[in-house]
Protein backbone atom coordinates (compact mmCIF):
# COMPACT_ATOMS: atom_id res chain seq x y z
CA MET A 1 31.81 -11.76 69.18
CA ARG A 2 32.57 -13.09 65.71
CA LEU A 3 34.29 -16.19 64.39
CA SER A 4 36.32 -15.09 61.39
CA THR A 5 37.07 -17.90 58.94
CA ALA A 6 37.86 -18.35 55.27
CA ILE A 7 34.13 -18.76 54.61
CA THR A 8 33.10 -15.55 56.37
CA ARG A 9 35.78 -13.65 54.49
CA LEU A 10 34.86 -15.21 51.14
CA LEU A 11 31.15 -14.50 51.53
CA GLY A 12 31.49 -11.19 53.37
CA ILE A 13 29.41 -12.38 56.33
CA ASP A 14 29.88 -12.09 60.08
CA HIS A 15 29.33 -15.69 61.18
CA PRO A 16 30.28 -19.04 59.59
CA VAL A 17 26.70 -20.33 59.67
CA LEU A 18 24.91 -21.20 56.43
CA LEU A 19 21.26 -22.13 56.16
CA ALA A 20 20.76 -25.43 54.34
CA PRO A 21 18.53 -24.86 51.29
CA MET A 22 15.80 -27.25 52.45
CA GLY A 23 13.19 -27.63 49.73
CA GLY A 24 9.81 -26.31 50.79
CA VAL A 25 11.24 -25.17 54.15
CA SER A 26 14.00 -22.63 53.50
CA GLY A 27 11.97 -19.82 51.99
CA GLY A 28 12.87 -16.20 51.52
CA ALA A 29 11.79 -15.08 54.98
CA LEU A 30 14.01 -17.64 56.70
CA ALA A 31 16.94 -17.05 54.35
CA GLY A 32 16.65 -13.30 54.84
CA ALA A 33 16.54 -13.66 58.63
CA VAL A 34 19.67 -15.82 58.70
CA SER A 35 21.52 -13.33 56.52
CA ALA A 36 20.30 -10.41 58.61
CA ALA A 37 21.78 -12.12 61.67
CA GLY A 38 25.20 -12.36 60.02
CA GLY A 39 25.09 -15.80 58.42
CA LEU A 40 24.12 -16.69 54.87
CA GLY A 41 20.58 -17.77 54.06
CA LEU A 42 20.01 -20.10 51.12
CA ILE A 43 16.56 -20.45 49.58
CA GLY A 44 15.66 -24.09 48.90
CA ALA A 45 14.47 -24.45 45.29
CA GLY A 46 15.03 -28.20 45.44
CA TYR A 47 13.68 -29.96 42.35
CA ALA A 48 12.49 -26.68 40.75
CA ASP A 49 9.29 -28.61 40.12
CA PRO A 50 5.98 -26.68 40.21
CA SER A 51 4.01 -29.90 40.76
CA LEU A 52 5.38 -30.07 44.31
CA GLY A 53 3.91 -26.67 45.16
CA TRP A 54 7.25 -24.89 45.34
CA GLY A 55 10.38 -24.42 43.22
CA SER A 56 8.83 -22.89 40.10
CA ASP A 57 10.30 -19.77 38.51
CA ASP A 58 7.50 -17.68 40.03
CA TRP A 59 8.05 -19.29 43.42
CA ILE A 60 11.77 -18.52 43.24
CA ALA A 61 11.07 -14.88 42.38
CA GLY A 62 8.55 -14.61 45.19
CA GLU A 63 10.91 -16.04 47.78
CA PHE A 64 13.67 -13.63 46.77
CA ASP A 65 11.14 -10.85 47.25
CA LYS A 66 10.33 -12.17 50.74
CA ALA A 67 14.03 -12.00 51.64
CA GLY A 68 13.74 -8.24 51.25
CA ASN A 69 16.99 -6.41 50.70
CA ARG A 70 19.04 -9.09 52.44
CA THR A 71 21.87 -10.82 50.61
CA VAL A 72 20.84 -14.43 50.14
CA GLY A 73 21.65 -17.42 47.97
CA ILE A 74 19.75 -20.38 46.56
CA GLY A 75 20.23 -24.13 46.33
CA PHE A 76 19.20 -26.77 43.78
CA ILE A 77 19.21 -30.55 43.50
CA THR A 78 21.58 -30.90 40.57
CA TRP A 79 20.16 -34.01 38.91
CA ALA A 80 16.71 -32.40 38.95
CA LEU A 81 18.12 -29.14 37.58
CA ASP A 82 19.30 -31.16 34.58
CA LYS A 83 15.60 -31.52 33.69
CA ARG A 84 14.71 -27.86 34.35
CA PRO A 85 17.88 -25.82 33.66
CA GLY A 86 15.82 -22.68 33.15
CA ALA A 87 15.25 -22.51 36.90
CA LEU A 88 18.91 -21.62 37.39
CA ASP A 89 18.57 -18.77 34.91
CA ALA A 90 15.54 -17.48 36.82
CA ALA A 91 17.52 -17.56 40.05
CA LEU A 92 20.62 -15.91 38.59
CA GLU A 93 18.48 -13.00 37.39
CA ARG A 94 18.04 -12.15 41.08
CA ARG A 95 21.81 -11.89 41.59
CA PRO A 96 22.16 -14.36 44.46
CA ALA A 97 25.24 -14.17 46.65
CA ALA A 98 25.76 -17.91 46.25
CA VAL A 99 24.34 -20.92 44.46
CA MET A 100 24.53 -24.33 46.09
CA LEU A 101 24.43 -27.48 43.96
CA SER A 102 23.98 -30.95 45.45
CA PHE A 103 23.69 -34.51 44.15
CA GLY A 104 25.01 -34.43 40.61
CA ASP A 105 27.59 -33.21 38.14
CA ILE A 106 28.20 -29.47 38.48
CA ALA A 107 30.07 -29.15 35.17
CA PRO A 108 27.11 -27.84 33.10
CA TYR A 109 26.44 -25.07 35.62
CA ALA A 110 29.67 -24.05 37.32
CA ALA A 111 30.84 -21.44 34.82
CA LYS A 112 27.37 -19.90 34.49
CA VAL A 113 27.12 -19.45 38.24
CA LYS A 114 30.61 -18.05 38.69
CA ASP A 115 30.29 -15.69 35.73
CA THR A 116 27.56 -13.83 37.63
CA GLY A 117 29.87 -13.30 40.61
CA ALA A 118 27.96 -15.71 42.82
CA ALA A 119 29.92 -18.07 45.04
CA LEU A 120 29.56 -21.70 43.97
CA ILE A 121 28.85 -23.97 46.95
CA CYS A 122 28.87 -27.70 46.27
CA GLN A 123 27.66 -30.35 48.71
CA VAL A 124 29.31 -33.76 48.60
CA GLN A 125 29.10 -37.03 50.50
CA THR A 126 32.35 -38.74 49.42
CA LEU A 127 36.00 -37.83 49.18
CA ALA A 128 36.03 -38.53 45.45
CA ASP A 129 33.15 -36.13 44.85
CA ALA A 130 34.87 -33.48 46.98
CA LYS A 131 37.95 -33.63 44.79
CA ASP A 132 35.77 -33.54 41.68
CA VAL A 133 33.84 -30.38 42.59
CA ALA A 134 37.00 -28.64 43.77
CA ALA A 135 38.60 -29.34 40.40
CA LYS A 136 35.51 -28.01 38.60
CA GLY A 137 35.47 -24.66 40.38
CA ALA A 138 33.65 -24.97 43.71
CA ASP A 139 34.35 -21.97 45.95
CA ILE A 140 33.09 -23.81 49.05
CA VAL A 141 32.72 -27.57 49.54
CA VAL A 142 30.08 -28.82 51.98
CA ALA A 143 31.03 -32.18 53.47
CA GLN A 144 27.70 -33.76 54.41
CA GLY A 145 27.58 -36.69 56.80
CA THR A 146 24.88 -39.33 56.87
CA GLU A 147 23.54 -37.86 60.15
CA ALA A 148 21.96 -35.07 58.11
CA GLY A 149 18.24 -34.78 57.57
CA GLY A 150 16.93 -35.05 54.05
CA HIS A 151 18.95 -36.65 51.31
CA GLY A 152 22.49 -37.86 51.73
CA ALA A 153 24.64 -40.95 51.59
CA ASP A 154 26.72 -43.18 53.86
CA ARG A 155 29.78 -41.39 55.29
CA ALA A 156 29.65 -39.99 58.84
CA THR A 157 30.38 -36.33 59.51
CA LEU A 158 33.20 -36.81 62.04
CA PRO A 159 35.67 -38.62 59.72
CA LEU A 160 34.44 -37.11 56.46
CA VAL A 161 34.96 -33.44 57.29
CA PRO A 162 38.72 -33.52 58.06
CA ALA A 163 39.35 -35.85 55.13
CA VAL A 164 37.60 -33.45 52.75
CA ALA A 165 39.32 -30.43 54.31
CA ASP A 166 42.71 -32.03 53.68
CA ALA A 167 41.81 -33.15 50.17
CA VAL A 168 40.47 -29.88 48.75
CA ALA A 169 42.64 -27.29 50.55
CA PRO A 170 42.83 -24.35 50.06
CA VAL A 171 39.13 -24.50 49.07
CA PRO A 172 37.24 -23.93 52.34
CA VAL A 173 34.92 -26.61 53.71
CA ALA A 174 31.63 -26.36 55.59
CA ALA A 175 30.47 -29.28 57.71
CA ALA A 176 26.91 -30.61 57.55
CA GLY A 177 25.10 -33.42 59.27
CA GLY A 178 23.89 -33.54 62.87
CA ILE A 179 24.97 -29.99 63.71
CA ALA A 180 22.33 -28.22 65.76
CA ASP A 181 24.06 -26.02 68.36
CA GLY A 182 27.22 -24.10 69.19
CA ARG A 183 29.05 -27.23 70.28
CA GLY A 184 28.55 -28.65 66.81
CA LEU A 185 29.88 -25.46 65.24
CA ALA A 186 32.93 -25.50 67.52
CA ALA A 187 33.55 -29.17 66.78
CA ALA A 188 33.34 -28.56 63.04
CA LEU A 189 35.96 -25.83 63.27
CA MET A 190 38.23 -28.17 65.22
CA LEU A 191 37.83 -30.77 62.45
CA GLY A 192 39.19 -28.32 59.89
CA ALA A 193 35.93 -26.89 58.56
CA GLU A 194 35.57 -23.15 58.07
CA GLY A 195 31.87 -23.12 58.87
CA VAL A 196 28.69 -25.18 59.06
CA LEU A 197 25.60 -25.77 56.94
CA VAL A 198 22.61 -26.27 59.25
CA GLY A 199 19.25 -27.69 58.25
CA THR A 200 16.96 -29.39 60.76
CA ARG A 201 17.63 -26.90 63.57
CA PHE A 202 16.47 -24.08 61.28
CA TRP A 203 13.27 -25.92 60.35
CA ALA A 204 12.14 -25.48 63.96
CA THR A 205 12.21 -21.67 63.70
CA GLN A 206 9.47 -19.12 63.42
CA GLU A 207 10.31 -18.10 59.84
CA ALA A 208 10.64 -21.56 58.29
CA LEU A 209 8.06 -22.80 55.82
CA GLY A 210 6.35 -26.11 56.49
CA HIS A 211 3.33 -27.15 58.51
CA PRO A 212 3.29 -26.25 62.24
CA ASN A 213 2.55 -29.91 63.02
CA GLN A 214 5.88 -30.86 61.50
CA LYS A 215 7.73 -28.23 63.49
CA ALA A 216 6.08 -29.54 66.66
CA LEU A 217 7.11 -33.08 65.71
CA ILE A 218 10.71 -31.96 65.31
CA GLU A 219 10.63 -30.36 68.77
CA ARG A 220 9.43 -33.52 70.53
CA THR A 221 11.32 -36.20 68.58
CA GLY A 222 14.84 -37.59 69.06
CA GLY A 223 17.50 -38.78 66.68
CA ASP A 224 16.76 -42.42 67.54
CA ASP A 225 13.42 -41.96 65.80
CA THR A 226 14.84 -41.25 62.35
CA LEU A 227 15.70 -43.62 59.53
CA ARG A 228 17.23 -43.48 56.09
CA THR A 229 14.73 -44.63 53.49
CA ARG A 230 13.52 -44.28 49.91
CA VAL A 231 9.89 -44.77 50.82
CA PHE A 232 8.92 -41.09 50.91
CA ASP A 233 10.50 -40.48 47.51
CA THR A 234 8.65 -43.45 46.06
CA ALA A 235 5.40 -42.13 47.50
CA ARG A 236 5.97 -38.81 45.74
CA GLY A 237 6.90 -40.42 42.43
CA LEU A 238 10.55 -39.40 42.70
CA THR A 239 13.42 -41.67 41.65
CA TRP A 240 16.64 -40.66 43.35
CA PRO A 241 19.93 -41.98 41.97
CA LYS A 242 22.03 -44.28 44.11
CA PRO A 243 23.49 -44.07 46.72
CA TYR A 244 21.20 -41.32 48.03
CA THR A 245 18.44 -41.94 50.54
CA GLY A 246 16.49 -39.55 52.74
CA ARG A 247 16.70 -39.33 56.53
CA ALA A 248 13.29 -38.59 58.00
CA ILE A 249 11.33 -39.05 61.20
CA ARG A 250 9.88 -42.54 61.34
CA ASN A 251 6.08 -42.60 61.21
CA ALA A 252 3.22 -45.01 60.50
CA PHE A 253 3.63 -44.62 56.74
CA ALA A 254 7.31 -45.52 56.91
CA ASP A 255 6.61 -48.48 59.19
CA GLU A 256 4.12 -49.82 56.64
CA TRP A 257 6.09 -49.26 53.44
CA HIS A 258 9.83 -49.08 54.28
CA GLN A 259 11.76 -51.41 51.94
CA ARG A 260 8.53 -52.22 50.07
CA ASP A 261 9.10 -49.69 47.31
CA ASP A 262 7.85 -51.94 44.50
CA ASP A 263 4.59 -52.57 46.37
CA LEU A 264 4.22 -48.86 47.10
CA ARG A 265 4.88 -47.93 43.49
CA ALA A 266 2.19 -50.36 42.37
CA GLU A 267 -0.38 -48.43 44.41
CA GLY A 268 -0.15 -45.72 41.77
CA PRO A 269 -1.42 -42.12 41.56
CA ALA A 270 -4.29 -42.54 44.02
CA LEU A 271 -1.96 -43.22 46.92
CA ARG A 272 0.35 -40.44 45.73
CA GLU A 273 -2.48 -37.91 45.93
CA ARG A 274 -3.41 -39.12 49.41
CA PHE A 275 0.21 -38.66 50.41
CA PHE A 276 0.36 -35.08 49.09
CA ALA A 277 -2.94 -34.31 50.79
CA ALA A 278 -1.44 -35.51 54.07
CA GLN A 279 1.57 -33.27 53.46
CA ARG A 280 -0.64 -30.23 52.89
CA GLY A 281 -2.77 -31.04 55.92
CA GLY A 282 0.08 -31.65 58.34
CA ASP A 283 -0.76 -35.33 58.90
CA THR A 284 2.59 -36.35 60.39
CA ASP A 285 1.58 -40.03 60.57
CA THR A 286 1.72 -40.07 56.77
CA ALA A 287 3.58 -36.98 55.53
CA VAL A 288 7.36 -36.92 55.35
CA THR A 289 9.26 -34.81 57.87
CA PHE A 290 12.88 -34.88 56.79
CA ALA A 291 15.09 -34.39 59.85
CA GLY A 292 18.56 -35.32 61.07
CA GLU A 293 20.08 -36.95 64.12
CA GLY A 294 20.51 -33.57 65.80
CA LEU A 295 16.85 -33.73 66.81
CA ASP A 296 17.77 -34.47 70.43
CA LEU A 297 19.15 -30.93 70.69
CA ILE A 298 15.94 -29.23 69.48
CA ALA A 299 13.17 -28.38 71.92
CA ASP A 300 11.93 -24.93 70.94
CA ARG A 301 11.06 -22.69 68.01
CA PRO A 302 13.11 -19.48 68.20
CA ALA A 303 13.45 -16.72 65.68
CA ALA A 304 16.21 -17.51 63.21
CA ALA A 305 18.29 -14.51 64.29
CA ALA A 306 18.30 -15.66 67.91
CA LEU A 307 19.35 -19.12 66.77
CA VAL A 308 22.31 -17.80 64.77
CA GLU A 309 23.44 -15.51 67.56
CA GLY A 310 23.08 -18.19 70.22
CA MET A 311 24.90 -20.79 68.16
CA VAL A 312 27.87 -18.51 67.58
CA ALA A 313 28.00 -17.36 71.21
CA ASP A 314 27.88 -20.94 72.45
CA ALA A 315 30.59 -21.96 70.00
CA VAL A 316 32.85 -19.17 71.21
CA ASP A 317 32.21 -20.18 74.83
CA ALA A 318 32.94 -23.83 74.03
CA ILE A 319 36.21 -22.97 72.32
CA LEU A 320 37.39 -20.60 75.06
CA ALA A 321 36.30 -22.85 77.91
CA ALA A 322 37.54 -26.13 76.48
CA PRO A 323 40.87 -26.22 78.37
CA ASP A 324 39.18 -25.73 81.72
CA ARG A 325 36.03 -27.68 81.08
CA HIS A 326 37.19 -30.74 79.20
CA VAL A 327 40.92 -31.19 79.01
CA ARG A 328 44.06 -30.03 80.71
CA VAL A 329 47.21 -29.68 78.66
CA ALA A 330 50.26 -30.35 80.82
CA ASP A 331 53.86 -29.90 79.83
CA GLU A 332 56.36 -32.69 80.30
CA ALA A 333 57.78 -31.17 83.47
CA GLU A 334 54.39 -31.48 85.17
CA GLY A 335 54.00 -35.11 84.12
């Protein structure tokens, strides 16, 4: 069974489920698997910074190759793209179905993306930013709540999504932040969204990039064990603009350095290299594992296709069963 929405019709897909372009996690194999299952996979180019081990022009080309003949898109961190605009050109050469821009002004890139025929997806965290990207040509607006893993801001998903949907109509909205199963998809549709952008749940899949230790950590950790912090960015030598912070699983490194960014920065390159070594080696006591509050709903590591299909089936069941399972609508004559 399918859920037909403005987003599925715009993108020509079967299901209103989009893979969040998680940097270093959403590679071509995962994006291709999500698209093959009827959603839309987005490769995570992130900072487009070769020094991080992913995001270079060659990496982008390789991940598109790994997606095979599946129709996929790609996502960038916009303020970082300002420093490496050539990465967008490298991506557009591969004719992506969509380009997602997050955390910055889309004006320098919107026309270039749309001129290729790609859909322009823009993620926002405030109502003002939603109106801004809609005015500048966004085809889809992602309303991201603070429950999301990775970088975001302060507004919660539940009130933000309907406010954005009202503000940017008729531009369709996808909900993001804390959505990890079919109930979340159904709830997003009830809030006025036309689909969902899902991150953390897709990290715990067979095709996702990232160390197996981090996937195992996601499977056994709950949302209470996450925090929003700048500490992991500071450790990597990244300076994110306000108001953005990253939600990640709390670990020993965070407990030692959270809100001590100046002290951490003073440790210099030696600590930074130790941090990257921990990331490569899967040392979850030190490495960052960005993850959202939907962790409580994750306990296994399925194939991405099974996840998409199960999420949609469960959403359909939740929508159809809601009157009997949760609420009874009575007319006035019944009292």
